[in-house]
PDB file of N, CA and C in Angstrom:
ATOM      1  N   MET A   1      44.921 100.787  88.002  1.00  0.00           N
ATOM      2  CA  MET A   1      45.304  99.670  88.606  1.00  0.00           C
ATOM      3  C   MET A   1      43.634  99.056  88.537  1.00  0.00           C
ATOM      4  N   ARG A   2      42.449  99.579  88.612  1.00  0.00           N
ATOM      5  CA  ARG A   2      41.280  99.110  89.022  1.00  0.00           C
ATOM      6  C   ARG A   2      40.808  98.904  87.264  1.00  0.00           C
ATOM      7  N   HIS A   3      41.334  99.956  86.510  1.00  0.00           N
ATOM      8  CA  HIS A   3      41.029  99.829  85.010  1.00  0.00           C
ATOM      9  C   HIS A   3      41.634  98.317  84.401  1.00  0.00           C
ATOM     10  N   ASN A   4      43.115  97.981  84.762  1.00  0.00           N
ATOM     11  CA  ASN A   4      43.226  97.121  84.261  1.00  0.00           C
ATOM     12  C   ASN A   4      42.574  95.580  84.759  1.00  0.00           C
ATOM     13  N   ALA A   5      42.111  95.414  86.232  1.00  0.00           N
ATOM     14  CA  ALA A   5      41.269  94.675  86.349  1.00  0.00           C
ATOM     15  C   ALA A   5      40.308  94.572  85.940  1.00  0.00           C
ATOM     16  N   ILE A   6      39.206  95.452  85.467  1.00  0.00           N
ATOM     17  CA  ILE A   6      38.126  95.332  84.489  1.00  0.00           C
ATOM     18  C   ILE A   6      38.463  94.876  83.409  1.00  0.00           C
ATOM     19  N   GLN A   7      39.566  95.524  82.696  1.00  0.00           N
ATOM     20  CA  GLN A   7      39.862  95.101  81.362  1.00  0.00           C
ATOM     21  C   GLN A   7      40.350  93.380  81.395  1.00  0.00           C
ATOM     22  N   GLY A   8      40.880  92.978  82.249  1.00  0.00           N
ATOM     23  CA  GLY A   8      41.007  91.532  82.265  1.00  0.00           C
ATOM     24  C   GLY A   8      39.890  90.695  82.319  1.00  0.00           C
ATOM     25  N   ARG A   9      38.827  91.062  83.340  1.00  0.00           N
ATOM     26  CA  ARG A   9      37.569  90.579  83.480  1.00  0.00           C
ATOM     27  C   ARG A   9      36.731  90.411  82.042  1.00  0.00           C
ATOM     28  N   ALA A  10      36.931  91.633  81.532  1.00  0.00           N
ATOM     29  CA  ALA A  10      36.159  91.676  80.301  1.00  0.00           C
ATOM     30  C   ALA A  10      36.742  90.619  79.409  1.00  0.00           C
ATOM     31  N   THR A  11      38.258  90.664  79.256  1.00  0.00           N
ATOM     32  CA  THR A  11      39.006  89.773  78.093  1.00  0.00           C
ATOM     33  C   THR A  11      38.607  88.223  78.562  1.00  0.00           C
ATOM     34  N   ARG A  12      38.425  87.795  79.913  1.00  0.00           N
ATOM     35  CA  ARG A  12      37.855  86.487  80.076  1.00  0.00           C
ATOM     36  C   ARG A  12      36.890  86.239  79.664  1.00  0.00           C
ATOM     37  N   ILE A  13      35.459  87.144  79.969  1.00  0.00           N
ATOM     38  CA  ILE A  13      34.352  87.351  79.625  1.00  0.00           C
ATOM     39  C   ILE A  13      34.153  87.041  78.036  1.00  0.00           C
ATOM     40  N   ARG A  14      35.162  87.697  77.332  1.00  0.00           N
ATOM     41  CA  ARG A  14      34.936  87.409  76.018  1.00  0.00           C
ATOM     42  C   ARG A  14      35.537  86.082  75.493  1.00  0.00           C
ATOM     43  N   ARG A  15      36.425  85.752  76.357  1.00  0.00           N
ATOM     44  CA  ARG A  15      37.126  84.423  75.953  1.00  0.00           C
ATOM     45  C   ARG A  15      36.343  83.334  76.211  1.00  0.00           C
ATOM     46  N   ALA A  16      35.401  83.429  77.157  1.00  0.00           N
ATOM     47  CA  ALA A  16      34.173  82.507  77.533  1.00  0.00           C
ATOM     48  C   ALA A  16      33.139  82.506  76.442  1.00  0.00           C
ATOM     49  N   VAL A  17      32.793  83.730  75.964  1.00  0.00           N
ATOM     50  CA  VAL A  17      31.616  83.612  75.085  1.00  0.00           C
ATOM     51  C   VAL A  17      32.087  82.923  73.802  1.00  0.00           C
ATOM     52  N   ASN A  18      33.537  83.379  73.382  1.00  0.00           N
ATOM     53  CA  ASN A  18      33.985  82.745  72.402  1.00  0.00           C
ATOM     54  C   ASN A  18      33.964  81.036  72.468  1.00  0.00           C
ATOM     55  N   SER A  19      34.351  80.466  73.399  1.00  0.00           N
ATOM     56  CA  SER A  19      34.636  79.186  73.767  1.00  0.00           C
ATOM     57  C   SER A  19      33.098  78.511  73.747  1.00  0.00           C
ATOM     58  N   LEU A  20      32.375  79.226  74.272  1.00  0.00           N
ATOM     59  CA  LEU A  20      30.920  78.667  74.159  1.00  0.00           C
ATOM     60  C   LEU A  20      30.270  78.734  72.801  1.00  0.00           C
ATOM     61  N   GLN A  21      30.146  79.805  72.199  1.00  0.00           N
ATOM     62  CA  GLN A  21      29.984  79.953  70.436  1.00  0.00           C
ATOM     63  C   GLN A  21      30.487  78.744  69.801  1.00  0.00           C
ATOM     64  N   GLY A  22      32.149  79.322  69.846  1.00  0.00           N
ATOM     65  CA  GLY A  22      33.221  78.382  68.896  1.00  0.00           C
ATOM     66  C   GLY A  22      33.418  77.173  69.019  1.00  0.00           C
ATOM     67  N   ASP A  23      34.403  76.590  70.399  1.00  0.00           N
ATOM     68  CA  ASP A  23      34.629  75.511  70.537  1.00  0.00           C
ATOM     69  C   ASP A  23      33.505  74.754  71.026  1.00  0.00           C
ATOM     70  N   PHE A  24      32.542  74.895  71.417  1.00  0.00           N
ATOM     71  CA  PHE A  24      31.654  74.019  72.055  1.00  0.00           C
ATOM     72  C   PHE A  24      30.041  74.031  71.383  1.00  0.00           C
ATOM     73  N   GLY A  25      29.939  74.912  70.471  1.00  0.00           N
ATOM     74  CA  GLY A  25      28.750  74.786  69.243  1.00  0.00           C
ATOM     75  C   GLY A  25      27.270  75.275  69.771  1.00  0.00           C
ATOM     76  N   GLN A  26      27.812  76.191  70.966  1.00  0.00           N
ATOM     77  CA  GLN A  26      26.373  76.495  71.616  1.00  0.00           C
ATOM     78  C   GLN A  26      25.741  77.657  70.818  1.00  0.00           C
ATOM     79  N   SER A  27      24.582  77.955  70.333  1.00  0.00           N
ATOM     80  CA  SER A  27      23.943  78.675  69.441  1.00  0.00           C
ATOM     81  C   SER A  27      22.977  79.592  69.858  1.00  0.00           C
ATOM     82  N   GLU A  28      22.458  79.303  71.077  1.00  0.00           N
ATOM     83  CA  GLU A  28      21.350  79.912  72.157  1.00  0.00           C
ATOM     84  C   GLU A  28      21.541  81.550  72.120  1.00  0.00           C
ATOM     85  N   HIS A  29      20.609  82.079  72.533  1.00  0.00           N
ATOM     86  CA  HIS A  29      21.107  83.364  72.894  1.00  0.00           C
ATOM     87  C   HIS A  29      21.837  83.286  74.212  1.00  0.00           C
ATOM     88  N   LEU A  30      22.635  84.254  74.685  1.00  0.00           N
ATOM     89  CA  LEU A  30      23.234  84.319  75.607  1.00  0.00           C
ATOM     90  C   LEU A  30      22.702  84.560  76.764  1.00  0.00           C
ATOM     91  N   SER A  31      21.341  84.910  76.996  1.00  0.00           N
ATOM     92  CA  SER A  31      20.418  84.993  78.331  1.00  0.00           C
ATOM     93  C   SER A  31      20.375  83.581  78.480  1.00  0.00           C
ATOM     94  N   THR A  32      20.431  82.353  77.749  1.00  0.00           N
ATOM     95  CA  THR A  32      19.845  81.148  77.983  1.00  0.00           C
ATOM     96  C   THR A  32      20.658  80.311  78.846  1.00  0.00           C
ATOM     97  N   TYR A  33      21.912  80.831  79.010  1.00  0.00           N
ATOM     98  CA  TYR A  33      22.916  80.173  79.627  1.00  0.00           C
ATOM     99  C   TYR A  33      23.401  81.013  80.920  1.00  0.00           C
ATOM    100  N   ARG A  34      23.689  79.852  81.766  1.00  0.00           N
ATOM    101  CA  ARG A  34      24.050  80.673  83.132  1.00  0.00           C
ATOM    102  C   ARG A  34      25.502  80.563  83.119  1.00  0.00           C
ATOM    103  N   LEU A  35      26.053  81.813  83.171  1.00  0.00           N
ATOM    104  CA  LEU A  35      27.524  81.751  83.319  1.00  0.00           C
ATOM    105  C   LEU A  35      27.815  82.117  84.753  1.00  0.00           C
ATOM    106  N   VAL A  36      28.956  81.695  85.294  1.00  0.00           N
ATOM    107  CA  VAL A  36      29.257  81.843  86.725  1.00  0.00           C
ATOM    108  C   VAL A  36      31.077  82.295  86.800  1.00  0.00           C
ATOM    109  N   SER A  37      31.204  83.286  87.864  1.00  0.00           N
ATOM    110  CA  SER A  37      32.572  83.331  87.794  1.00  0.00           C
ATOM    111  C   SER A  37      32.988  83.129  89.322  1.00  0.00           C
ATOM    112  N   ASP A  38      33.813  82.544  89.153  1.00  0.00           N
ATOM    113  CA  ASP A  38      34.235  82.115  90.834  1.00  0.00           C
ATOM    114  C   ASP A  38      35.114  83.161  91.179  1.00  0.00           C
ATOM    115  N   PRO A  39      36.056  83.116  92.716  1.00  0.00           N
ATOM    116  CA  PRO A  39      36.613  84.105  93.117  1.00  0.00           C
ATOM    117  C   PRO A  39      37.962  84.347  92.529  1.00  0.00           C
ATOM    118  N   SER A  40      38.496  83.177  91.700  1.00  0.00           N
ATOM    119  CA  SER A  40      39.664  83.350  91.159  1.00  0.00           C
ATOM    120  C   SER A  40      39.864  83.377  89.715  1.00  0.00           C
ATOM    121  N   GLY A  41      38.281  84.242  89.254  1.00  0.00           N
ATOM    122  CA  GLY A  41      38.160  84.613  88.062  1.00  0.00           C
ATOM    123  C   GLY A  41      37.881  83.947  86.622  1.00  0.00           C
ATOM    124  N   ASN A  42      37.548  82.440  87.108  1.00  0.00           N
ATOM    125  CA  ASN A  42      37.285  81.310  86.198  1.00  0.00           C
ATOM    126  C   ASN A  42      35.752  81.759  85.791  1.00  0.00           C
ATOM    127  N   ILE A  43      35.686  81.551  84.341  1.00  0.00           N
ATOM    128  CA  ILE A  43      34.276  81.576  84.132  1.00  0.00           C
ATOM    129  C   ILE A  43      33.801  80.031  83.711  1.00  0.00           C
ATOM    130  N   ARG A  44      32.519  80.001  84.351  1.00  0.00           N
ATOM    131  CA  ARG A  44      32.148  78.670  84.010  1.00  0.00           C
ATOM    132  C   ARG A  44      30.412  78.558  83.413  1.00  0.00           C
ATOM    133  N   LEU A  45      30.367  77.821  82.561  1.00  0.00           N
ATOM    134  CA  LEU A  45      29.130  77.277  81.974  1.00  0.00           C
ATOM    135  C   LEU A  45      28.241  76.398  83.037  1.00  0.00           C
ATOM    136  N   VAL A  46      27.175  76.450  84.073  1.00  0.00           N
ATOM    137  CA  VAL A  46      26.665  75.471  84.710  1.00  0.00           C
ATOM    138  C   VAL A  46      25.295  75.220  84.328  1.00  0.00           C
ATOM    139  N   THR A  47      25.116  74.008  84.281  1.00  0.00           N
ATOM    140  CA  THR A  47      23.821  73.388  84.095  1.00  0.00           C
ATOM    141  C   THR A  47      23.493  72.712  85.032  1.00  0.00           C
ATOM    142  N   HIS A  48      22.473  72.160  85.031  1.00  0.00           N
ATOM    143  CA  HIS A  48      21.841  71.083  86.300  1.00  0.00           C
ATOM    144  C   HIS A  48      23.028  69.962  85.984  1.00  0.00           C
ATOM    145  N   GLU A  49      23.350  69.196  84.847  1.00  0.00           N
ATOM    146  CA  GLU A  49      24.281  68.082  84.941  1.00  0.00           C
ATOM    147  C   GLU A  49      25.403  68.626  84.972  1.00  0.00           C
ATOM    148  N   GLN A  50      26.022  69.618  84.688  1.00  0.00           N
ATOM    149  CA  GLN A  50      27.602  69.750  84.393  1.00  0.00           C
ATOM    150  C   GLN A  50      27.802  71.276  84.864  1.00  0.00           C
ATOM    151  N   ASP A  51      29.253  71.435  84.939  1.00  0.00           N
ATOM    152  CA  ASP A  51      29.865  72.941  85.326  1.00  0.00           C
ATOM    153  C   ASP A  51      31.272  72.586  84.316  1.00  0.00           C
ATOM    154  N   MET A  52      31.245  73.665  83.657  1.00  0.00           N
ATOM    155  CA  MET A  52      32.148  73.655  82.432  1.00  0.00           C
ATOM    156  C   MET A  52      32.951  74.787  82.115  1.00  0.00           C
ATOM    157  N   GLU A  53      34.307  74.892  82.512  1.00  0.00           N
ATOM    158  CA  GLU A  53      35.245  76.102  82.413  1.00  0.00           C
ATOM    159  C   GLU A  53      35.094  76.235  81.095  1.00  0.00           C
ATOM    160  N   LEU A  54      35.038  77.836  81.121  1.00  0.00           N
ATOM    161  CA  LEU A  54      35.021  78.444  79.569  1.00  0.00           C
ATOM    162  C   LEU A  54      36.113  79.259  79.351  1.00  0.00           C
ATOM    163  N   ALA A  55      37.191  79.747  80.220  1.00  0.00           N
ATOM    164  CA  ALA A  55      37.924  80.636  80.058  1.00  0.00           C
ATOM    165  C   ALA A  55      39.506  80.233  79.918  1.00  0.00           C
ATOM    166  N   ARG A  56      39.679  80.089  81.253  1.00  0.00           N
ATOM    167  CA  ARG A  56      41.268  79.587  81.269  1.00  0.00           C
ATOM    168  C   ARG A  56      41.504  78.370  80.706  1.00  0.00           C
ATOM    169  N   ARG A  57      40.656  77.004  81.181  1.00  0.00           N
ATOM    170  CA  ARG A  57      40.949  75.888  80.546  1.00  0.00           C
ATOM    171  C   ARG A  57      39.638  75.351  79.941  1.00  0.00           C
ATOM    172  N   PRO A  58      39.311  75.838  78.819  1.00  0.00           N
ATOM    173  CA  PRO A  58      37.914  75.601  78.183  1.00  0.00           C
ATOM    174  C   PRO A  58      37.764  74.000  78.144  1.00  0.00           C
ATOM    175  N   GLY A  59      36.218  73.546  78.417  1.00  0.00           N
ATOM    176  CA  GLY A  59      36.015  72.347  78.425  1.00  0.00           C
ATOM    177  C   GLY A  59      36.248  71.497  79.530  1.00  0.00           C
ATOM    178  N   GLN A  60      37.135  72.268  80.494  1.00  0.00           N
ATOM    179  CA  GLN A  60      37.386  71.489  81.607  1.00  0.00           C
ATOM    180  C   GLN A  60      36.135  71.328  82.503  1.00  0.00           C
ATOM    181  N   LEU A  61      35.964  70.121  82.903  1.00  0.00           N
ATOM    182  CA  LEU A  61      34.738  69.609  83.655  1.00  0.00           C
ATOM    183  C   LEU A  61      34.796  69.704  84.933  1.00  0.00           C
ATOM    184  N   LEU A  62      34.021  70.145  85.944  1.00  0.00           N
ATOM    185  CA  LEU A  62      33.891  70.091  87.212  1.00  0.00           C
ATOM    186  C   LEU A  62      33.157  69.085  87.797  1.00  0.00           C
ATOM    187  N   LEU A  63      33.028  68.885  88.662  1.00  0.00           N
ATOM    188  CA  LEU A  63      32.422  67.718  89.463  1.00  0.00           C
ATOM    189  C   LEU A  63      31.129  68.311  90.213  1.00  0.00           C
ATOM    190  N   ILE A  64      29.955  68.136  89.669  1.00  0.00           N
ATOM    191  CA  ILE A  64      28.575  68.378  90.591  1.00  0.00           C
ATOM    192  C   ILE A  64      27.890  67.361  91.473  1.00  0.00           C
ATOM    193  N   ALA A  65      28.043  67.582  92.623  1.00  0.00           N
ATOM    194  CA  ALA A  65      27.496  66.357  93.330  1.00  0.00           C
ATOM    195  C   ALA A  65      26.696  67.002  94.655  1.00  0.00           C
ATOM    196  N   GLU A  66      25.701  66.480  94.730  1.00  0.00           N
ATOM    197  CA  GLU A  66      24.913  66.426  96.109  1.00  0.00           C
ATOM    198  C   GLU A  66      25.422  65.782  97.191  1.00  0.00           C
ATOM    199  N   MET A  67      25.227  66.634  98.190  1.00  0.00           N
ATOM    200  CA  MET A  67      25.843  66.059  99.379  1.00  0.00           C
ATOM    201  C   MET A  67      25.165  64.721  99.901  1.00  0.00           C
ATOM    202  N   ALA A  68      23.844  64.820  99.560  1.00  0.00           N
ATOM    203  CA  ALA A  68      23.192  63.368  99.849  1.00  0.00           C
ATOM    204  C   ALA A  68      23.777  62.500  99.172  1.00  0.00           C
ATOM    205  N   GLN A  69      24.426  62.490  98.005  1.00  0.00           N
ATOM    206  CA  GLN A  69      24.854  61.383  97.376  1.00  0.00           C
ATOM    207  C   GLN A  69      26.245  61.239  97.826  1.00  0.00           C
ATOM    208  N   VAL A  70      26.887  61.882  98.254  1.00  0.00           N
ATOM    209  CA  VAL A  70      28.317  61.671  98.792  1.00  0.00           C
ATOM    210  C   VAL A  70      28.053  61.148 100.374  1.00  0.00           C
ATOM    211  N   ILE A  71      27.182  61.367 101.011  1.00  0.00           N
ATOM    212  CA  ILE A  71      27.002  60.650 102.452  1.00  0.00           C
ATOM    213  C   ILE A  71      26.367  59.291 102.261  1.00  0.00           C
ATOM    214  N   GLU A  72      25.459  58.937 101.435  1.00  0.00           N
ATOM    215  CA  GLU A  72      24.884  57.664 101.333  1.00  0.00           C
ATOM    216  C   GLU A  72      25.913  56.705 100.988  1.00  0.00           C
ATOM    217  N   PRO A  73      25.747  55.392 101.395  1.00  0.00           N
ATOM    218  CA  PRO A  73      26.499  54.307 101.283  1.00  0.00           C
ATOM    219  C   PRO A  73      26.653  54.209  99.611  1.00  0.00           C
ATOM    220  N   PHE A  74      28.142  53.975  99.132  1.00  0.00           N
ATOM    221  CA  PHE A  74      28.309  53.262  97.723  1.00  0.00           C
ATOM    222  C   PHE A  74      29.612  52.424  97.501  1.00  0.00           C
ATOM    223  N   ALA A  75      29.276  51.716  96.559  1.00  0.00           N
ATOM    224  CA  ALA A  75      30.337  50.702  95.923  1.00  0.00           C
ATOM    225  C   ALA A  75      31.373  51.528  95.091  1.00  0.00           C
ATOM    226  N   VAL A  76      32.637  51.180  95.891  1.00  0.00           N
ATOM    227  CA  VAL A  76      34.000  51.459  95.104  1.00  0.00           C
ATOM    228  C   VAL A  76      34.220  50.782  93.734  1.00  0.00           C
ATOM    229  N   GLN A  77      34.408  52.107  92.829  1.00  0.00           N
ATOM    230  CA  GLN A  77      34.482  51.042  91.411  1.00  0.00           C
ATOM    231  C   GLN A  77      35.800  50.330  91.218  1.00  0.00           C
ATOM    232  N   GLY A  78      35.793  49.132  90.535  1.00  0.00           N
ATOM    233  CA  GLY A  78      37.085  48.230  90.494  1.00  0.00           C
ATOM    234  C   GLY A  78      37.630  47.633  91.795  1.00  0.00           C
ATOM    235  N   ARG A  79      36.486  47.608  92.723  1.00  0.00           N
ATOM    236  CA  ARG A  79      37.072  46.810  94.048  1.00  0.00           C
ATOM    237  C   ARG A  79      35.747  46.228  94.300  1.00  0.00           C
ATOM    238  N   PRO A  80      35.411  44.940  93.653  1.00  0.00           N
ATOM    239  CA  PRO A  80      34.063  44.133  93.902  1.00  0.00           C
ATOM    240  C   PRO A  80      33.906  43.923  95.660  1.00  0.00           C
ATOM    241  N   GLY A  81      32.941  44.426  96.076  1.00  0.00           N
ATOM    242  CA  GLY A  81      32.281  43.967  97.066  1.00  0.00           C
ATOM    243  C   GLY A  81      32.973  45.003  98.297  1.00  0.00           C
ATOM    244  N   VAL A  82      33.609  45.706  97.961  1.00  0.00           N
ATOM    245  CA  VAL A  82      33.920  46.914  98.788  1.00  0.00           C
ATOM    246  C   VAL A  82      33.067  48.013  98.803  1.00  0.00           C
ATOM    247  N   VAL A  83      32.161  48.689 100.025  1.00  0.00           N
ATOM    248  CA  VAL A  83      31.116  49.406 100.030  1.00  0.00           C
ATOM    249  C   VAL A  83      31.690  50.465 100.965  1.00  0.00           C
ATOM    250  N   ILE A  84      31.321  51.758 100.655  1.00  0.00           N
ATOM    251  CA  ILE A  84      31.828  52.763 101.800  1.00  0.00           C
ATOM    252  C   ILE A  84      30.416  53.129 102.539  1.00  0.00           C
ATOM    253  N   PRO A  85      30.390  52.956 104.108  1.00  0.00           N
ATOM    254  CA  PRO A  85      29.154  53.109 104.829  1.00  0.00           C
ATOM    255  C   PRO A  85      28.560  54.131 104.863  1.00  0.00           C
ATOM    256  N   ASP A  86      27.229  54.332 105.174  1.00  0.00           N
ATOM    257  CA  ASP A  86      26.358  55.597 105.338  1.00  0.00           C
ATOM    258  C   ASP A  86      27.384  56.263 106.166  1.00  0.00           C
ATOM    259  N   LEU A  87      27.849  57.663 105.995  1.00  0.00           N
ATOM    260  CA  LEU A  87      28.584  58.418 107.097  1.00  0.00           C
ATOM    261  C   LEU A  87      27.614  58.896 108.190  1.00  0.00           C
ATOM    262  N   PHE A  88      26.015  59.109 107.899  1.00  0.00           N
ATOM    263  CA  PHE A  88      25.593  59.240 109.113  1.00  0.00           C
ATOM    264  C   PHE A  88      25.307  58.206 109.913  1.00  0.00           C
ATOM    265  N   LYS A  89      25.193  56.936 109.593  1.00  0.00           N
ATOM    266  CA  LYS A  89      25.015  55.601 110.034  1.00  0.00           C
ATOM    267  C   LYS A  89      26.343  54.868 110.001  1.00  0.00           C
ATOM    268  N   PRO A  90      27.528  55.050 111.092  1.00  0.00           N
ATOM    269  CA  PRO A  90      28.638  54.444 110.744  1.00  0.00           C
ATOM    270  C   PRO A  90      28.496  53.104 111.149  1.00  0.00           C
ATOM    271  N   ARG A  91      29.777  52.212 111.010  1.00  0.00           N
ATOM    272  CA  ARG A  91      29.886  50.854 111.668  1.00  0.00           C
ATOM    273  C   ARG A  91      29.455  50.932 112.954  1.00  0.00           C
ATOM    274  N   ALA A  92      29.377  49.664 113.679  1.00  0.00           N
ATOM    275  CA  ALA A  92      28.983  49.705 114.994  1.00  0.00           C
ATOM    276  C   ALA A  92      30.074  49.850 115.978  1.00  0.00           C
ATOM    277  N   HIS A  93      29.781  50.718 116.935  1.00  0.00           N
ATOM    278  CA  HIS A  93      30.894  50.998 117.970  1.00  0.00           C
ATOM    279  C   HIS A  93      31.388  52.365 117.673  1.00  0.00           C
ATOM    280  N   LEU A  94      30.685  53.193 116.456  1.00  0.00           N
ATOM    281  CA  LEU A  94      31.220  54.225 116.099  1.00  0.00           C
ATOM    282  C   LEU A  94      30.162  55.338 116.043  1.00  0.00           C
ATOM    283  N   SER A  95      30.352  56.690 116.328  1.00  0.00           N
ATOM    284  CA  SER A  95      29.342  57.251 116.459  1.00  0.00           C
ATOM    285  C   SER A  95      29.469  58.817 115.658  1.00  0.00           C
ATOM    286  N   VAL A  96      28.682  59.529 114.936  1.00  0.00           N
ATOM    287  CA  VAL A  96      28.820  60.626 114.236  1.00  0.00           C
ATOM    288  C   VAL A  96      27.958  61.607 114.896  1.00  0.00           C
ATOM    289  N   ASP A  97      28.166  62.633 115.553  1.00  0.00           N
ATOM    290  CA  ASP A  97      27.562  63.814 116.380  1.00  0.00           C
ATOM    291  C   ASP A  97      28.122  65.095 116.038  1.00  0.00           C
ATOM    292  N   PRO A  98      27.138  66.087 115.336  1.00  0.00           N
ATOM    293  CA  PRO A  98      28.013  67.261 114.998  1.00  0.00           C
ATOM    294  C   PRO A  98      28.299  67.969 116.254  1.00  0.00           C
ATOM    295  N   GLU A  99      27.654  67.403 117.692  1.00  0.00           N
ATOM    296  CA  GLU A  99      27.755  68.324 118.816  1.00  0.00           C
ATOM    297  C   GLU A  99      28.844  67.477 119.649  1.00  0.00           C
ATOM    298  N   THR A 100      29.427  66.392 119.262  1.00  0.00           N
ATOM    299  CA  THR A 100      30.679  65.902 119.609  1.00  0.00           C
ATOM    300  C   THR A 100      31.772  65.871 118.593  1.00  0.00           C
ATOM    301  N   GLN A 101      32.725  66.587 119.223  1.00  0.00           N
ATOM    302  CA  GLN A 101      33.972  66.788 118.203  1.00  0.00           C
ATOM    303  C   GLN A 101      33.648  67.227 116.777  1.00  0.00           C
ATOM    304  N   ALA A 102      32.813  68.020 116.698  1.00  0.00           N
ATOM    305  CA  ALA A 102      32.512  68.468 115.502  1.00  0.00           C
ATOM    306  C   ALA A 102      32.115  67.845 114.334  1.00  0.00           C
ATOM    307  N   GLY A 103      31.521  66.541 114.904  1.00  0.00           N
ATOM    308  CA  GLY A 103      30.833  65.627 113.962  1.00  0.00           C
ATOM    309  C   GLY A 103      31.870  64.631 113.343  1.00  0.00           C
ATOM    310  N   ILE A 104      33.169  64.621 113.776  1.00  0.00           N
ATOM    311  CA  ILE A 104      34.157  63.694 113.495  1.00  0.00           C
ATOM    312  C   ILE A 104      33.678  62.372 114.019  1.00  0.00           C
ATOM    313  N   PRO A 105      33.789  61.088 113.260  1.00  0.00           N
ATOM    314  CA  PRO A 105      33.671  60.040 114.250  1.00  0.00           C
ATOM    315  C   PRO A 105      34.598  59.565 115.194  1.00  0.00           C
ATOM    316  N   VAL A 106      33.542  59.283 116.303  1.00  0.00           N
ATOM    317  CA  VAL A 106      34.199  58.999 117.406  1.00  0.00           C
ATOM    318  C   VAL A 106      33.788  57.643 117.980  1.00  0.00           C
ATOM    319  N   ILE A 107      34.654  56.998 118.588  1.00  0.00           N
ATOM    320  CA  ILE A 107      34.207  55.693 119.630  1.00  0.00           C
ATOM    321  C   ILE A 107      32.800  55.881 120.430  1.00  0.00           C
ATOM    322  N   ALA A 108      32.015  54.946 119.769  1.00  0.00           N
ATOM    323  CA  ALA A 108      30.492  55.293 120.772  1.00  0.00           C
ATOM    324  C   ALA A 108      30.514  55.641 122.015  1.00  0.00           C
ATOM    325  N   GLY A 109      29.952  56.520 122.625  1.00  0.00           N
ATOM    326  CA  GLY A 109      30.252  56.829 124.356  1.00  0.00           C
ATOM    327  C   GLY A 109      31.049  57.696 124.728  1.00  0.00           C
ATOM    328  N   THR A 110      32.103  57.780 123.510  1.00  0.00           N
ATOM    329  CA  THR A 110      33.324  58.630 124.195  1.00  0.00           C
ATOM    330  C   THR A 110      33.436  59.785 123.155  1.00  0.00           C
ATOM    331  N   ARG A 111      34.462  60.851 123.269  1.00  0.00           N
ATOM    332  CA  ARG A 111      34.797  61.836 122.491  1.00  0.00           C
ATOM    333  C   ARG A 111      36.323  61.391 121.920  1.00  0.00           C
ATOM    334  N   VAL A 112      36.357  60.128 121.937  1.00  0.00           N
ATOM    335  CA  VAL A 112      37.744  59.830 121.261  1.00  0.00           C
ATOM    336  C   VAL A 112      37.669  59.782 119.777  1.00  0.00           C
ATOM    337  N   PRO A 113      38.310  60.406 118.912  1.00  0.00           N
ATOM    338  CA  PRO A 113      38.196  60.022 117.424  1.00  0.00           C
ATOM    339  C   PRO A 113      38.719  58.553 117.034  1.00  0.00           C
ATOM    340  N   TYR A 114      38.113  58.314 116.256  1.00  0.00           N
ATOM    341  CA  TYR A 114      38.213  56.985 115.452  1.00  0.00           C
ATOM    342  C   TYR A 114      39.770  56.681 115.087  1.00  0.00           C
ATOM    343  N   ASP A 115      40.121  58.094 114.302  1.00  0.00           N
ATOM    344  CA  ASP A 115      41.522  57.746 113.785  1.00  0.00           C
ATOM    345  C   ASP A 115      42.569  57.586 114.571  1.00  0.00           C
ATOM    346  N   VAL A 116      42.324  58.453 115.884  1.00  0.00           N
ATOM    347  CA  VAL A 116      43.481  58.313 117.147  1.00  0.00           C
ATOM    348  C   VAL A 116      43.518  56.421 117.418  1.00  0.00           C
ATOM    349  N   VAL A 117      42.319  55.837 117.423  1.00  0.00           N
ATOM    350  CA  VAL A 117      42.570  54.475 117.953  1.00  0.00           C
ATOM    351  C   VAL A 117      43.049  53.704 116.704  1.00  0.00           C
ATOM    352  N   ALA A 118      42.633  54.388 115.880  1.00  0.00           N
ATOM    353  CA  ALA A 118      43.384  53.342 114.578  1.00  0.00           C
ATOM    354  C   ALA A 118      44.729  53.708 114.268  1.00  0.00           C
ATOM    355  N   SER A 119      45.118  54.726 114.372  1.00  0.00           N
ATOM    356  CA  SER A 119      46.392  55.036 114.483  1.00  0.00           C
ATOM    357  C   SER A 119      47.306  54.287 115.516  1.00  0.00           C
ATOM    358  N   LEU A 120      46.795  54.274 116.558  1.00  0.00           N
ATOM    359  CA  LEU A 120      47.171  53.325 117.593  1.00  0.00           C
ATOM    360  C   LEU A 120      47.536  51.917 117.521  1.00  0.00           C
ATOM    361  N   MET A 121      46.477  51.425 116.571  1.00  0.00           N
ATOM    362  CA  MET A 121      46.364  50.023 116.572  1.00  0.00           C
ATOM    363  C   MET A 121      47.895  49.814 114.864  1.00  0.00           C
ATOM    364  N   ARG A 122      47.661  50.841 113.992  1.00  0.00           N
ATOM    365  CA  ARG A 122      48.782  50.776 113.166  1.00  0.00           C
ATOM    366  C   ARG A 122      50.231  50.480 113.812  1.00  0.00           C
ATOM    367  N   GLU A 123      50.412  51.650 114.786  1.00  0.00           N
ATOM    368  CA  GLU A 123      51.863  51.461 115.486  1.00  0.00           C
ATOM    369  C   GLU A 123      52.128  50.307 116.333  1.00  0.00           C
ATOM    370  N   GLU A 124      50.962  49.793 117.033  1.00  0.00           N
ATOM    371  CA  GLU A 124      51.120  48.486 117.914  1.00  0.00           C
ATOM    372  C   GLU A 124      51.458  47.395 116.622  1.00  0.00           C
ATOM    373  N   SER A 125      50.818  47.620 115.493  1.00  0.00           N
ATOM    374  CA  SER A 125      50.835  46.185 114.678  1.00  0.00           C
ATOM    375  C   SER A 125      52.286  46.429 113.785  1.00  0.00           C
ATOM    376  N   ARG A 126      53.087  47.485 113.669  1.00  0.00           N
ATOM    377  CA  ARG A 126      54.441  47.703 113.295  1.00  0.00           C
ATOM    378  C   ARG A 126      55.312  47.417 114.220  1.00  0.00           C
ATOM    379  N   ALA A 127      55.072  47.585 115.526  1.00  0.00           N
ATOM    380  CA  ALA A 127      56.085  47.345 116.667  1.00  0.00           C
ATOM    381  C   ALA A 127      56.267  45.714 116.825  1.00  0.00           C
ATOM    382  N   ALA A 128      55.097  45.207 116.664  1.00  0.00           N
ATOM    383  CA  ALA A 128      55.136  43.759 116.732  1.00  0.00           C
ATOM    384  C   ALA A 128      55.801  42.619 115.808  1.00  0.00           C
TER     385      ALA A 128
END
């Protein structure tokens, strides 16, 4: 059983290297690349700019984002004027504190999660 697992990994590694050199035209020495295997056995080429699958779905790009970029305010593409607010500085009357409800946004000064209030308001508008 262990032999089969090792053989399977070796096959995925060979497939990844073949993709790297053949399909994607990478010709540098293998030591210059950062290849990463995740828990499910995918082998990926990871650079500062991108993360690309090499073995199971060659060429599949994965998103690389720094959490600071996700938390900062950003405009929604295709929806002019719509901006997602800064997650550490939510709208007035909301509070985000890791010590309160594990950081889930709550109504300021309470432990009531904002989504509970929003849900109640949706139900009220449907009933009316």
